[in-house]
Protein backbone atom coordinates (compact mmCIF):
# COMPACT_ATOMS: atom_id res chain seq x y z
CA MET A 1 -85.18 -77.43 -28.33
CA GLN A 2 -83.35 -79.76 -30.69
CA LEU A 3 -82.86 -83.36 -29.71
CA CYS A 4 -80.85 -85.81 -31.81
CA LEU A 5 -81.85 -89.40 -31.15
CA PRO A 6 -79.29 -92.08 -32.00
CA GLU A 7 -80.07 -95.14 -34.00
CA GLY A 8 -81.84 -97.83 -32.02
CA PHE A 9 -83.82 -95.43 -29.81
CA PRO A 10 -86.85 -97.56 -28.89
CA PHE A 11 -89.65 -95.00 -28.93
CA CYS A 12 -89.01 -92.79 -31.97
CA ARG A 13 -90.94 -93.07 -35.22
CA ALA A 14 -87.82 -92.91 -37.37
CA ALA A 15 -84.54 -94.65 -36.78
CA THR A 16 -82.59 -91.38 -36.72
CA GLY A 17 -83.29 -87.70 -37.12
CA THR A 18 -83.70 -84.42 -35.35
CA TRP A 19 -86.90 -83.71 -33.42
CA ARG A 20 -88.30 -80.54 -31.96
CA MET A 21 -90.38 -81.35 -28.88
CA SER A 22 -92.36 -79.36 -26.37
CA SER A 23 -91.87 -79.88 -22.63
CA SER A 24 -95.06 -82.00 -22.42
CA GLU A 25 -93.85 -84.24 -25.25
CA LEU A 26 -90.47 -84.57 -23.58
CA SER A 27 -92.13 -85.45 -20.26
CA PHE A 28 -94.16 -88.17 -22.01
CA LEU A 29 -90.98 -89.42 -23.66
CA PHE A 30 -89.22 -89.66 -20.29
CA THR A 31 -92.13 -91.65 -18.87
CA GLU A 32 -92.07 -94.03 -21.79
CA TYR A 33 -88.31 -94.27 -21.71
CA GLU A 34 -88.35 -95.12 -18.02
CA GLU A 35 -90.32 -98.23 -18.89
CA GLY A 36 -87.74 -99.00 -21.56
CA LEU A 37 -84.96 -98.67 -18.99
CA ARG A 38 -86.79 -101.04 -16.66
CA ARG A 39 -87.09 -103.65 -19.39
CA GLU A 40 -83.57 -103.19 -20.76
CA PHE A 41 -81.73 -103.24 -17.43
CA GLU A 42 -84.09 -105.59 -15.60
CA LEU A 43 -84.72 -103.46 -12.54
CA GLU A 44 -85.37 -105.77 -9.63
CA LYS A 45 -88.36 -105.96 -7.35
CA GLY A 46 -87.74 -103.66 -4.40
CA PHE A 47 -88.06 -104.73 -0.80
CA LEU A 48 -87.19 -101.55 1.11
CA ILE A 49 -89.82 -99.24 -0.41
CA LEU A 50 -93.06 -100.71 -1.75
CA GLY A 51 -93.92 -99.66 -5.29
CA PHE A 52 -90.34 -98.83 -6.30
CA LYS A 53 -88.02 -100.97 -8.35
CA LYS A 54 -84.45 -101.52 -7.24
CA ASP A 55 -81.53 -100.43 -9.46
CA PRO A 56 -79.06 -103.37 -9.60
CA SER A 57 -76.58 -101.60 -11.92
CA ASP A 58 -74.00 -100.75 -9.26
CA PHE A 59 -72.04 -103.98 -9.45
CA GLU A 60 -70.09 -103.44 -6.23
CA TRP A 61 -73.12 -102.72 -4.04
CA SER A 62 -75.19 -105.54 -5.54
CA PHE A 63 -72.25 -107.96 -5.33
CA TRP A 64 -71.51 -107.39 -1.66
CA ASN A 65 -75.19 -107.27 -0.72
CA GLU A 66 -75.75 -110.67 -2.31
CA TRP A 67 -72.70 -112.13 -0.61
CA ALA A 68 -73.75 -110.62 2.71
CA LYS A 69 -77.13 -112.36 2.47
CA ARG A 70 -75.51 -115.53 1.18
CA SER A 71 -72.73 -116.03 3.73
CA LEU A 72 -70.60 -113.01 4.66
CA LEU A 73 -73.02 -111.65 7.25
CA TYR A 74 -73.05 -114.97 9.06
CA THR A 75 -69.28 -115.46 8.92
CA LEU A 76 -68.72 -111.92 10.23
CA LEU A 77 -71.10 -112.63 13.12
CA GLY A 78 -69.21 -115.87 13.67
CA HIS A 79 -65.97 -113.91 13.88
CA ALA A 80 -67.49 -111.65 16.54
CA VAL A 81 -68.49 -114.72 18.58
CA VAL A 82 -65.01 -116.26 18.23
CA SER A 83 -63.43 -112.94 19.28
CA TRP A 84 -65.68 -112.74 22.35
CA LEU A 85 -65.02 -116.34 23.39
CA ALA A 86 -61.27 -116.03 22.80
CA GLY A 87 -61.16 -112.85 24.89
CA ILE A 88 -62.72 -114.76 27.79
CA TYR A 89 -61.14 -118.21 27.59
CA LEU A 90 -58.00 -117.75 25.47
CA PRO A 91 -56.80 -114.13 25.80
CA GLN A 92 -53.21 -115.00 24.92
CA GLY A 93 -54.23 -116.99 21.87
CA ARG A 94 -56.62 -114.55 20.17
CA VAL A 95 -54.36 -114.14 17.13
CA VAL A 96 -54.26 -117.92 16.65
CA ALA A 97 -58.06 -118.08 17.00
CA PHE A 98 -58.51 -115.29 14.43
CA THR A 99 -56.20 -117.05 12.00
CA ALA A 100 -57.92 -120.41 12.34
CA TYR A 101 -61.37 -118.89 11.96
CA GLY A 102 -60.26 -116.77 8.98
CA LEU A 103 -58.85 -119.84 7.22
CA LEU A 104 -62.04 -121.81 7.89
CA ALA A 105 -64.29 -118.99 6.64
CA ALA A 106 -62.14 -118.56 3.52
CA CYS A 107 -62.34 -122.30 2.81
CA LEU A 108 -66.14 -122.23 3.10
CA GLN A 109 -66.47 -119.27 0.73
CA LEU A 110 -63.57 -119.73 -1.71
CA GLY A 111 -63.11 -123.49 -1.57
CA LEU A 112 -59.84 -125.31 -1.01
CA ARG A 113 -58.41 -124.32 -4.40
CA GLY A 114 -59.22 -120.67 -3.81
CA VAL A 115 -57.51 -120.72 -0.42
CA ALA A 116 -54.56 -122.58 -1.98
CA THR A 117 -54.24 -119.69 -4.47
CA VAL A 118 -54.11 -117.16 -1.65
CA LEU A 119 -51.61 -119.31 0.27
CA LEU A 120 -49.43 -119.59 -2.85
CA HIS A 121 -49.33 -115.78 -3.16
CA VAL A 122 -48.60 -115.43 0.55
CA GLY A 123 -45.88 -118.10 0.46
CA VAL A 124 -44.09 -116.55 -2.51
CA ALA A 125 -44.27 -113.07 -0.96
CA PHE A 126 -42.98 -114.41 2.37
CA GLY A 127 -40.07 -116.19 0.71
CA VAL A 128 -39.01 -113.12 -1.26
CA ALA A 129 -39.36 -110.93 1.85
CA GLN A 130 -36.69 -112.98 3.60
CA MET A 131 -34.13 -111.54 1.15
CA ARG A 132 -34.94 -108.09 2.60
CA SER A 133 -34.74 -106.35 -0.76
CA PRO A 134 -37.55 -103.82 -1.36
CA ALA A 135 -36.91 -103.91 -5.13
CA LEU A 136 -37.35 -107.71 -5.26
CA CYS A 137 -40.47 -107.47 -3.09
CA TRP A 138 -42.02 -104.97 -5.50
CA ILE A 139 -41.10 -107.03 -8.58
CA CYS A 140 -42.63 -110.12 -6.97
CA ALA A 141 -45.81 -108.22 -6.00
CA LEU A 142 -46.33 -106.78 -9.49
CA ILE A 143 -45.83 -110.20 -11.10
CA LEU A 144 -48.32 -111.81 -8.70
CA LEU A 145 -50.85 -109.06 -9.44
CA ALA A 146 -50.36 -109.61 -13.18
CA THR A 147 -51.47 -113.23 -12.78
CA LEU A 148 -54.98 -111.94 -12.01
CA HIS A 149 -55.28 -110.86 -15.66
CA LEU A 150 -53.78 -113.86 -17.47
CA ASN A 151 -56.48 -115.36 -19.65
CA PHE A 152 -55.58 -119.01 -19.12
CA LEU A 153 -55.50 -118.56 -15.34
CA GLU A 154 -58.83 -116.70 -15.42
CA GLU A 155 -60.43 -119.56 -17.33
CA LEU A 156 -58.88 -122.12 -14.98
CA GLN A 157 -60.11 -120.34 -11.87
CA ARG A 158 -63.58 -119.75 -13.32
CA GLY A 159 -63.81 -123.50 -13.81
CA TRP A 160 -63.45 -124.00 -10.08
CA TYR A 161 -66.79 -122.31 -9.39
CA GLU A 162 -70.37 -122.60 -10.51
CA THR A 163 -71.05 -118.83 -10.68
CA GLU A 164 -69.18 -115.68 -11.72
CA ALA A 165 -69.83 -114.21 -8.26
CA GLU A 166 -67.71 -116.91 -6.62
CA TYR A 167 -64.86 -116.26 -9.05
CA TYR A 168 -64.98 -112.49 -8.45
CA LEU A 169 -64.92 -113.08 -4.69
CA LEU A 170 -61.62 -114.91 -5.20
CA VAL A 171 -60.25 -112.07 -7.37
CA PHE A 172 -61.21 -109.42 -4.81
CA GLY A 173 -59.73 -111.47 -1.98
CA VAL A 174 -56.42 -112.04 -3.78
CA ALA A 175 -56.19 -108.37 -4.84
CA VAL A 176 -56.69 -107.05 -1.31
CA CYS A 177 -54.38 -109.71 0.13
CA SER A 178 -51.69 -108.51 -2.27
CA LEU A 179 -51.67 -105.14 -0.49
CA ARG A 180 -51.17 -106.91 2.82
CA SER A 181 -48.33 -109.03 1.38
CA ILE A 182 -46.59 -105.89 0.11
CA SER A 183 -47.06 -104.20 3.50
CA TYR A 184 -45.61 -107.19 5.37
CA SER A 185 -42.70 -107.59 2.95
CA LEU A 186 -41.62 -103.94 3.00
CA ASP A 187 -42.05 -103.64 6.77
CA HIS A 188 -39.94 -106.78 7.17
CA CYS A 189 -37.24 -105.26 4.97
CA SER A 190 -37.01 -102.15 7.16
CA ARG A 191 -37.92 -103.50 10.61
CA PRO A 192 -37.94 -107.31 10.71
CA LEU A 193 -39.76 -109.11 13.50
CA VAL A 194 -37.40 -110.52 16.10
CA ALA A 195 -38.82 -114.03 15.94
CA SER A 196 -38.35 -117.39 14.28
CA SER A 197 -39.36 -117.97 10.66
CA CYS A 198 -42.40 -119.99 11.78
CA THR A 199 -43.58 -117.15 14.03
CA ARG A 200 -43.10 -114.58 11.27
CA LEU A 201 -45.04 -116.77 8.84
CA GLY A 202 -47.76 -117.16 11.46
CA TRP A 203 -48.08 -113.37 11.82
CA LEU A 204 -48.32 -113.00 8.03
CA ALA A 205 -51.04 -115.68 7.92
CA ALA A 206 -52.94 -113.95 10.74
CA TYR A 207 -52.64 -110.60 8.95
CA THR A 208 -53.71 -112.06 5.61
CA PHE A 209 -56.66 -114.14 6.80
CA TYR A 210 -58.05 -111.71 9.36
CA HIS A 211 -61.65 -112.21 8.28
CA PRO A 212 -63.27 -108.75 8.71
CA LEU A 213 -60.69 -107.18 6.36
CA PHE A 214 -60.06 -110.18 4.09
CA TYR A 215 -62.12 -109.30 1.00
CA ASN A 216 -62.47 -105.54 0.84
CA GLY A 217 -60.63 -103.60 3.50
CA PRO A 218 -60.25 -100.94 4.77
CA VAL A 219 -56.52 -101.20 4.23
CA VAL A 220 -54.52 -101.67 7.44
CA THR A 221 -50.72 -101.85 7.37
CA PHE A 222 -48.92 -104.76 9.00
CA GLU A 223 -47.38 -102.48 11.63
CA ASP A 224 -50.83 -101.25 12.67
CA PHE A 225 -52.23 -104.80 12.68
CA ALA A 226 -49.43 -106.01 14.95
CA ARG A 227 -50.15 -103.18 17.42
CA LEU A 228 -53.43 -103.70 19.27
CA GLY A 229 -55.36 -100.97 21.05
CA LEU A 230 -58.80 -100.35 22.59
CA CYS A 231 -61.38 -97.92 21.16
CA SER A 232 -65.01 -96.82 21.69
CA LEU A 233 -67.97 -98.36 19.86
CA LEU A 234 -70.74 -95.99 21.01
CA GLY A 235 -73.35 -95.42 18.33
CA TYR A 236 -71.33 -97.28 15.69
CA ILE A 237 -73.84 -100.03 14.91
CA ALA A 238 -76.77 -97.59 14.62
CA ARG A 239 -74.79 -95.35 12.25
CA ILE A 240 -73.83 -98.24 9.96
CA PHE A 241 -77.43 -99.42 9.83
CA ALA A 242 -78.60 -95.86 8.99
CA TRP A 243 -76.02 -95.64 6.17
CA TRP A 244 -77.17 -98.98 4.78
CA LEU A 245 -80.81 -97.81 4.81
CA LEU A 246 -79.82 -94.60 3.01
CA ALA A 247 -77.90 -96.51 0.32
CA GLU A 248 -80.83 -98.86 -0.25
CA PHE A 249 -83.22 -95.89 -0.42
CA MET A 250 -81.06 -94.25 -3.10
CA ILE A 251 -80.94 -97.30 -5.38
CA HIS A 252 -84.70 -97.79 -4.97
CA VAL A 253 -85.75 -94.28 -5.99
CA MET A 254 -82.96 -92.65 -8.02
CA TYR A 255 -81.72 -95.23 -10.61
CA MET A 256 -78.55 -93.17 -11.14
CA HIS A 257 -76.44 -96.16 -12.15
CA THR A 258 -78.90 -97.33 -14.77
CA ILE A 259 -79.15 -93.81 -16.17
CA GLN A 260 -75.38 -93.23 -16.34
CA SER A 261 -74.88 -96.48 -18.26
CA ASN A 262 -77.20 -95.32 -21.07
CA GLU A 263 -75.77 -92.57 -23.31
CA THR A 264 -79.14 -91.81 -24.92
CA TYR A 265 -80.73 -90.95 -21.59
CA LEU A 266 -77.73 -88.81 -20.60
CA HIS A 267 -78.27 -86.75 -23.76
CA LEU A 268 -81.98 -86.34 -22.92
CA LEU A 269 -81.36 -84.91 -19.47
CA SER A 270 -81.25 -81.16 -18.95
CA PRO A 271 -77.89 -79.72 -17.81
CA TRP A 272 -79.15 -79.28 -14.25
CA ALA A 273 -80.52 -82.82 -14.14
CA LEU A 274 -77.13 -83.97 -15.44
CA GLY A 275 -75.46 -82.11 -12.59
CA GLY A 276 -77.86 -83.69 -10.12
CA LEU A 277 -77.00 -87.11 -11.52
CA ALA A 278 -73.29 -86.40 -11.00
CA LEU A 279 -73.95 -85.39 -7.40
CA ALA A 280 -76.06 -88.52 -6.80
CA LEU A 281 -73.34 -90.80 -8.19
CA VAL A 282 -70.57 -89.44 -5.98
CA GLN A 283 -72.80 -89.27 -2.91
CA PHE A 284 -73.88 -92.89 -3.35
CA PHE A 285 -70.22 -93.88 -3.73
CA TYR A 286 -69.53 -92.19 -0.39
CA VAL A 287 -72.47 -93.81 1.43
CA LYS A 288 -71.63 -97.20 -0.07
CA TYR A 289 -68.12 -97.13 1.35
CA LEU A 290 -69.36 -96.00 4.73
CA VAL A 291 -71.15 -99.36 4.84
CA LEU A 292 -68.50 -101.49 3.11
CA PHE A 293 -65.74 -100.11 5.35
CA GLY A 294 -67.94 -99.53 8.39
CA VAL A 295 -68.91 -103.16 9.03
CA PRO A 296 -65.32 -104.53 8.94
CA SER A 297 -64.11 -101.55 10.97
CA LEU A 298 -66.71 -102.30 13.64
CA LEU A 299 -65.48 -105.88 14.03
CA ALA A 300 -61.86 -104.72 13.99
CA ARG A 301 -62.66 -102.33 16.84
CA LEU A 302 -64.26 -105.17 18.77
CA ASP A 303 -60.96 -107.05 18.41
CA GLY A 304 -58.97 -104.11 19.76
CA LEU A 305 -57.61 -102.86 16.43
CA GLU A 306 -57.66 -99.20 15.43
CA PRO A 307 -58.86 -99.18 11.81
CA PRO A 308 -58.47 -96.13 9.54
CA ARG A 309 -61.06 -93.39 9.82
CA LEU A 310 -64.14 -93.87 7.65
CA PRO A 311 -64.48 -91.74 4.48
CA ARG A 312 -65.21 -88.06 4.91
CA CYS A 313 -68.31 -86.70 3.18
CA VAL A 314 -67.55 -85.84 -0.44
CA SER A 315 -69.61 -82.65 -0.10
CA THR A 316 -66.73 -81.18 1.94
CA MET A 317 -64.04 -82.13 -0.61
CA TYR A 318 -62.76 -79.29 -2.76
CA SER A 319 -59.28 -80.50 -3.78
CA PHE A 320 -57.58 -83.63 -5.08
CA ALA A 321 -55.33 -83.72 -2.00
CA GLY A 322 -58.33 -83.68 0.34
CA MET A 323 -60.08 -86.42 -1.61
CA TRP A 324 -57.09 -88.74 -1.31
CA ARG A 325 -56.26 -87.78 2.26
CA TYR A 326 -59.74 -88.19 3.74
CA PHE A 327 -61.75 -90.65 1.62
CA ASP A 328 -59.86 -93.96 1.65
CA VAL A 329 -57.57 -93.16 4.58
CA GLY A 330 -56.07 -96.64 4.77
CA LEU A 331 -55.09 -96.73 1.09
CA TYR A 332 -53.73 -93.17 1.33
CA HIS A 333 -51.42 -94.10 4.23
CA TRP A 334 -50.42 -97.30 2.44
CA LEU A 335 -49.39 -95.37 -0.70
CA LEU A 336 -47.46 -92.81 1.35
CA ARG A 337 -45.67 -95.43 3.40
CA TYR A 338 -44.66 -97.85 0.64
CA ILE A 339 -44.42 -95.73 -2.53
CA TYR A 340 -44.43 -91.96 -2.05
CA PHE A 341 -41.98 -91.56 0.85
CA PRO A 342 -39.53 -94.30 -0.26
CA MET A 343 -39.29 -92.63 -3.68
CA GLY A 344 -38.41 -89.29 -2.11
CA GLY A 345 -41.78 -87.56 -1.99
CA SER A 346 -41.63 -83.79 -1.58
CA GLN A 347 -38.35 -83.83 0.33
CA LYS A 348 -36.02 -84.31 -2.65
CA GLY A 349 -37.12 -81.71 -5.16
CA LEU A 350 -39.82 -81.24 -7.74
CA LEU A 351 -38.79 -84.05 -10.10
CA ARG A 352 -38.77 -86.67 -7.34
CA ARG A 353 -42.15 -85.41 -6.16
CA LEU A 354 -43.60 -85.72 -9.66
CA LEU A 355 -42.11 -89.22 -10.03
CA SER A 356 -43.30 -90.36 -6.60
CA THR A 357 -46.85 -89.20 -7.29
CA CYS A 358 -46.82 -90.73 -10.78
CA LEU A 359 -45.70 -94.12 -9.44
CA ALA A 360 -48.35 -94.04 -6.70
CA PHE A 361 -51.16 -93.40 -9.19
CA GLY A 362 -49.65 -95.85 -11.66
CA PHE A 363 -49.79 -98.60 -9.04
CA VAL A 364 -53.39 -97.76 -8.05
CA CYS A 365 -54.39 -97.89 -11.73
CA TYR A 366 -52.55 -101.21 -12.21
CA TRP A 367 -54.04 -102.68 -9.02
CA HIS A 368 -57.57 -101.81 -10.17
CA GLY A 369 -57.02 -103.51 -13.54
CA GLY A 370 -55.29 -100.89 -15.70
CA HIS A 371 -58.25 -100.26 -18.04
CA ASP A 372 -58.25 -97.22 -20.32
CA TYR A 373 -60.76 -95.27 -18.22
CA LEU A 374 -58.63 -95.95 -15.11
CA GLN A 375 -55.61 -94.57 -16.94
CA ASN A 376 -57.52 -91.35 -17.69
CA TRP A 377 -58.71 -91.18 -14.09
CA ALA A 378 -55.17 -91.67 -12.76
CA LEU A 379 -53.79 -89.05 -15.17
CA LEU A 380 -56.40 -86.48 -14.06
CA ASN A 381 -55.62 -87.15 -10.40
CA TRP A 382 -51.88 -86.92 -10.99
CA ALA A 383 -52.34 -83.60 -12.79
CA GLY A 384 -54.69 -82.36 -10.08
CA LEU A 385 -52.23 -83.16 -7.30
CA THR A 386 -49.09 -81.91 -9.03
CA LEU A 387 -50.51 -78.78 -10.69
CA MET A 388 -53.66 -77.66 -8.87
CA VAL A 389 -52.66 -78.40 -5.27
CA PRO A 390 -49.55 -76.15 -5.35
CA LEU A 391 -51.66 -73.41 -6.94
CA LEU A 392 -54.21 -73.63 -4.13
CA THR A 393 -51.74 -73.98 -1.24
CA VAL A 394 -49.06 -71.50 -2.37
CA GLY A 395 -51.28 -69.46 -4.67
CA PRO A 396 -50.54 -67.02 -7.48
CA PRO A 397 -48.82 -63.72 -6.64
CA PHE A 398 -52.04 -61.76 -6.16
CA LEU A 399 -53.00 -64.04 -3.24
CA GLN A 400 -49.77 -63.13 -1.45
CA GLU A 401 -50.24 -59.37 -1.70
CA ARG A 402 -50.86 -57.64 1.59
CA ARG A 403 -53.51 -55.45 0.01
CA LEU A 404 -55.91 -58.41 0.13
CA SER A 405 -57.60 -58.95 3.46
CA PRO A 406 -57.87 -62.52 4.85
CA PRO A 407 -61.55 -62.80 3.79
CA MET A 408 -60.66 -61.69 0.25
CA ARG A 409 -57.76 -64.14 0.09
CA ARG A 410 -60.12 -66.90 1.15
CA ARG A 411 -62.64 -65.91 -1.53
CA ALA A 412 -59.90 -65.93 -4.14
CA GLN A 413 -58.77 -69.38 -3.01
CA ALA A 414 -62.37 -70.64 -3.14
CA PHE A 415 -62.67 -69.22 -6.66
CA LEU A 416 -59.61 -71.20 -7.77
CA SER A 417 -60.89 -74.24 -5.89
CA SER A 418 -64.11 -74.21 -7.91
CA PHE A 419 -62.10 -75.17 -11.01
CA SER A 420 -60.20 -77.82 -9.06
CA THR A 421 -63.49 -79.24 -7.73
CA ALA A 422 -64.90 -79.40 -11.26
CA MET A 423 -61.91 -81.50 -12.38
CA LEU A 424 -62.18 -83.62 -9.23
CA ILE A 425 -65.84 -84.40 -9.95
CA LEU A 426 -65.02 -85.15 -13.57
CA SER A 427 -62.28 -87.61 -12.56
CA ASN A 428 -64.66 -89.34 -10.12
CA LEU A 429 -67.32 -89.65 -12.82
CA ILE A 430 -64.79 -91.30 -15.13
CA PHE A 431 -63.86 -93.72 -12.33
CA LEU A 432 -67.49 -94.53 -11.52
CA GLY A 433 -69.04 -94.57 -14.99
CA GLY A 434 -66.26 -94.82 -17.55
CA ASN A 435 -64.93 -92.55 -20.28
CA HIS A 436 -68.32 -92.04 -21.93
CA VAL A 437 -69.85 -90.54 -18.79
CA GLY A 438 -66.94 -88.17 -18.28
CA ARG A 439 -66.98 -87.15 -21.95
CA ILE A 440 -70.72 -86.38 -21.95
CA PHE A 441 -70.53 -84.33 -18.76
CA TRP A 442 -67.50 -82.38 -20.02
CA ASN A 443 -69.00 -81.70 -23.45
CA ARG A 444 -72.48 -80.72 -22.31
CA ILE A 445 -71.59 -78.62 -19.28
CA PHE A 446 -68.19 -77.07 -20.04
CA LEU A 447 -67.93 -77.06 -23.85
CA GLN A 448 -71.45 -76.72 -25.22
CA GLY A 449 -72.64 -74.85 -22.13
CA TRP A 450 -69.56 -72.68 -21.56
CA SER A 451 -71.63 -69.49 -21.55
CA THR A 452 -74.89 -70.74 -20.03
CA THR A 453 -74.29 -73.78 -17.83
CA ALA A 454 -70.64 -73.58 -16.80
CA PRO A 455 -70.81 -70.18 -14.97
CA PRO A 456 -73.62 -71.18 -12.55
CA VAL A 457 -71.95 -74.59 -12.04
CA LEU A 458 -68.67 -72.89 -11.09
CA LEU A 459 -70.60 -70.53 -8.80
CA PHE A 460 -72.18 -73.55 -7.12
CA LEU A 461 -68.73 -75.16 -6.76
CA TYR A 462 -67.39 -71.89 -5.31
CA CYS A 463 -69.96 -72.20 -2.51
CA TYR A 464 -69.10 -75.88 -2.27
CA ALA A 465 -65.43 -74.96 -1.73
CA GLN A 466 -66.35 -72.40 0.95
CA ILE A 467 -68.18 -75.12 2.89
CA GLY A 468 -65.16 -77.43 2.65
CA MET A 469 -62.74 -74.71 3.71
CA GLU A 470 -64.92 -73.85 6.72
CA TRP A 471 -65.07 -77.54 7.65
CA ASP A 472 -61.25 -77.73 7.52
CA ARG A 473 -60.94 -74.60 9.63
CA LYS A 474 -63.21 -75.98 12.35
CA GLN A 475 -61.46 -79.35 12.34
C-alpha cells in the first residue's frame, strides 16, 4: 500500500515522501495520530461516558448545548410555566403573554441593542408589507438579510457582546426572524388580517418573538401560527431525551467531525472506513435536528400549535425530492408557499419549473451565507431535483415497457436511485464538511476506486433505495 503524507504530518520521519507500510505499522500510526488529533483539536473532557473524550468540532451542536446549559433551557422551561399559568388565569390573553415573555427572554439573552436590531428588521418589514407588493417585500427582505454580512455592522454588533457566542446568537435569531417577516409580509399581501394596524403589528410581534421558535425553528408560517390546534404529547419527552443521549454518545465515541476537518486523516482511512464516516456524519446531522427541532416543537404543542413533522430518518432517503420533502418539513413548505408556487412551479411548463427551483435553492444558499461550498451544494441539489427526480418518477422507456413485471420495474428504479442517492450523500457531505470533504470522497470512492470501491458502494445504495421505497409504500 502506498501512502503519501503531506507536509506538516506530525509523526513522519521526513517532511514529505511516499511510504510503504504494513497493517501493523498503519495501526500504530492511527493510534499515534489519534493523540495528535486530541492535541490539535482540543477534545474536551467527556461527561456522558467515562474514559472517552468529547468531540467539540460540530459547531452547531456545541453552540446550542452551551446555550442550553447557560440560559436557553431555563427560559424554555419558563415559557412552559407562563403558558400553563396563562391557560388557567388568562386564556384569552395567551398570545399577549407569549409576546411579553418572548420579548423579556430575548432582552435577557441578546441585550437591549440586540432586541432593538430585531425590532428594526420587524418594523421595516411591517412597513413595507402595508404596501401589499410581494416584489417590494422580497427586495426589502433580501436587503435586510444582506446587512448580516456587512463588515462594519458585524464589527459594531460584535462590540456589543463579550463573547463570539453572544454575537452568533443574535445572527441566528435575526436570520430565522427574517423568514417569519417574509412569511407575514407575503401572507398579508395575499390575505390581509381584518384588523387595525396596531393589532396586525401585535400579531407580527407575537409571531416573531414566540420564544420556543425564536432562534432556530422549526419554520412555521404565519398562517399556521395564527391558527391554533390541540395535539397529543404522549412519549414525546422520552423520545427527545433518548435522541439527545444518542447524539452525545456519538460525539463521545466517534469523533467524526474532528476527522472530517483533517484532510490528512481522510487520506489515511480505508475506502470502507471513509464510507462509514460519511454515514456517521449524515446520521448525526439527523439525530441533532431531532433534538434541536424536537424541544421547540414540544413546547409549541403544549401551547396548542401544530408544528411541522420532525425530520425523517436519512436512512430511508433515496432521492433529492424525498430529502427536501421529509427532512426540514417547515422550510420545505415555506419555500413552496413563498417561492416555488408564486413563480409558477410545475404548472407553467419546464422553464418556469427550472426557474422556480433555481430561485428556491438560490435563496436557501443566500440565507445560509452564500459561501462557495453552499453554492456547490445548492447546484447539486438543483441538478438532482430537475434532472434525477423526473428520471426516477417518469423513468426511461424501458421502465414503461409492459414486458417488465412490477418487481422488475421496482428493481430498475432502485438501480437508478442508487446513483441519485450517491449524489445526495455527496451534496450533504459538502454541506456538512465543505468542498474538501466532498472532493476527497468523490475522488477516492468514485474516481480512484471506480472499479473496486464504487461497485459495492452502489450495490449498498441499491439496497438502501429498496428500504426507502418499501418505507414509502407502507406509509
